[in-house]
Structure formats: C-alpha cells, structure tokens
C-alpha cells in the first residue's frame, strides 16, 4: 500500500514539474515575439524623416552634450536607417544630412510627411 502511494505521489510530482517547465518555456517565448513585432514596426520607418522644428540641432553624439554639427530648419528631410540611442531621457535618431552624419532628437522629427 505504501509503495503504491509513493509511486502515485512521484507520478503526480513528475507531472506537475513537466507542466511547470512547459509553461515556463512557453512564457519565456513571449518577449521574443514582442521584440520581433517592434523590429518589424521600426523597419517600416527607414528612409527619410522630416524635421518638425526650427533650429533642430544635428549632434555628433546622442544626448544634450553632443557637439552641434548643424542647425536644421523645419521641413528639412534627412535620411534615417533605424539606428539610434536613448540618452538624457530622449530617443536620438542617427541621420544623414548631406555630407554630415549625426543625431537628432526624435521629439523633432516626423515619419509622415
């Protein structure tokens, strides 16, 4: 009787462990799917973006302390290829403007023009 009880308990523990592992594996896949969706959405924004403010600073490095390379006027189109950084509480897009390459704050660009 004790052997039957022990075998039954071991079987139950094994089943619970298998279910827990399967659930954990399934749960760990969710962030990967989310990342793919984000990348797909970002990939559609490559091309050109329009500057939405006057005197927007094109900086050598992302962040408020990056050296200013140029001041961009409202309506200027710059080339954007999905690169960027998050610095000083802002997202900075890596762009090309003529022969210059640098960063502009995402707060001053539009992907629709």
Protein backbone atom coordinates (compact mmCIF):
# COMPACT_ATOMS: atom_id res chain seq x y z
CA UNK A 1 0.00 0.00 0.00
CA UNK A 2 2.80 2.41 0.90
CA UNK A 3 4.62 1.60 -2.36
CA UNK A 4 1.50 2.35 -4.39
CA UNK A 5 1.04 5.66 -2.56
CA UNK A 6 4.68 6.64 -3.09
CA UNK A 7 4.53 5.72 -6.80
CA UNK A 8 1.32 7.74 -7.21
CA UNK A 9 2.85 10.76 -5.45
CA UNK A 10 6.03 10.57 -7.55
CA UNK A 11 3.95 10.40 -10.72
CA UNK A 12 1.95 13.45 -9.62
CA UNK A 13 5.11 15.44 -8.79
CA UNK A 14 6.65 14.50 -12.14
CA UNK A 15 3.52 15.64 -14.00
CA UNK A 16 3.40 18.96 -12.13
CA UNK A 17 7.10 19.52 -12.83
CA UNK A 18 6.59 18.83 -16.55
CA UNK A 19 3.62 21.18 -16.74
CA UNK A 20 5.58 23.89 -14.90
CA UNK A 21 8.54 23.52 -17.28
CA UNK A 22 6.27 23.63 -20.33
CA UNK A 23 4.52 26.74 -19.02
CA UNK A 24 7.84 28.42 -18.19
CA UNK A 25 9.19 27.63 -21.66
CA UNK A 26 6.02 28.98 -23.26
CA UNK A 27 6.14 32.11 -21.11
CA UNK A 28 9.80 32.81 -21.97
CA UNK A 29 8.97 32.88 -25.69
CA UNK A 30 6.58 35.85 -25.33
CA UNK A 31 9.26 38.60 -25.14
CA UNK A 32 10.95 37.25 -28.29
CA UNK A 33 7.69 37.61 -30.24
CA UNK A 34 7.24 41.13 -28.87
CA UNK A 35 10.76 42.12 -29.95
CA UNK A 36 10.09 40.86 -33.48
CA UNK A 37 6.91 42.95 -33.66
CA UNK A 38 8.80 46.04 -32.54
CA UNK A 39 11.58 45.46 -35.08
CA UNK A 40 9.05 44.95 -37.86
CA UNK A 41 7.32 48.21 -36.97
CA UNK A 42 10.66 50.06 -36.84
CA UNK A 43 11.77 48.63 -40.17
CA UNK A 44 8.88 50.40 -41.89
CA UNK A 45 10.18 53.79 -40.75
CA UNK A 46 13.53 53.58 -42.55
CA UNK A 47 14.06 56.11 -45.32
CA UNK A 48 13.61 59.81 -44.75
CA UNK A 49 12.18 61.74 -41.83
CA UNK A 50 11.07 65.36 -41.77
CA UNK A 51 12.39 67.88 -39.24
CA UNK A 52 9.43 69.47 -37.41
CA UNK A 53 11.13 72.30 -35.52
CA UNK A 54 13.26 75.32 -36.42
CA UNK A 55 16.92 75.19 -35.48
CA UNK A 56 16.91 71.49 -34.58
CA UNK A 57 20.44 70.52 -33.61
CA UNK A 58 22.24 67.78 -35.52
CA UNK A 59 24.70 66.43 -32.94
CA UNK A 60 27.89 64.37 -33.29
CA UNK A 61 26.84 62.12 -30.39
CA UNK A 62 23.40 61.35 -28.95
CA UNK A 63 22.45 63.47 -25.97
CA UNK A 64 22.31 67.10 -24.99
CA UNK A 65 26.11 67.33 -24.63
CA UNK A 66 26.94 66.15 -28.17
CA UNK A 67 28.78 68.69 -30.33
CA UNK A 68 26.37 70.58 -32.62
CA UNK A 69 27.24 69.91 -36.27
CA UNK A 70 24.40 71.90 -37.87
CA UNK A 71 21.06 73.58 -37.23
CA UNK A 72 18.25 72.06 -39.29
CA UNK A 73 15.24 74.06 -40.45
CA UNK A 74 11.63 72.96 -40.20
CA UNK A 75 10.66 70.86 -43.22
CA UNK A 76 14.18 69.57 -43.92
CA UNK A 77 14.28 65.92 -44.99
CA UNK A 78 17.09 63.79 -43.55
CA UNK A 79 17.97 60.16 -44.22
CA UNK A 80 17.23 57.70 -41.41
CA UNK A 81 18.12 53.99 -41.29
CA UNK A 82 16.69 52.71 -37.98
CA UNK A 83 19.74 53.44 -35.84
CA UNK A 84 19.59 55.44 -32.67
CA UNK A 85 20.13 55.63 -28.93
CA UNK A 86 18.28 56.54 -25.76
CA UNK A 87 20.24 59.24 -23.87
CA UNK A 88 19.28 62.06 -21.48
CA UNK A 89 15.69 60.81 -21.30
CA UNK A 90 15.18 61.10 -25.06
CA UNK A 91 15.38 58.88 -28.09
CA UNK A 92 18.01 60.09 -30.58
CA UNK A 93 17.88 59.08 -34.23
CA UNK A 94 21.08 58.64 -36.24
CA UNK A 95 20.56 60.56 -39.50
CA UNK A 96 22.43 61.75 -42.57
CA UNK A 97 22.09 65.30 -43.85
CA UNK A 98 24.16 65.96 -46.96
CA UNK A 99 27.73 65.04 -46.05
CA UNK A 100 27.00 65.26 -42.31
CA UNK A 101 26.02 62.35 -40.10
CA UNK A 102 24.81 62.69 -36.53
CA UNK A 103 21.91 62.51 -34.11
CA UNK A 104 18.65 64.44 -33.76
CA UNK A 105 16.07 64.13 -31.00
CA UNK A 106 13.08 62.05 -32.05
CA UNK A 107 10.92 64.79 -30.49
CA UNK A 108 11.63 66.98 -33.53
CA UNK A 109 11.02 64.59 -36.43
CA UNK A 110 8.02 63.17 -38.24
CA UNK A 111 7.94 59.85 -40.04
CA UNK A 112 4.92 61.06 -42.05
CA UNK A 113 5.31 63.91 -44.50
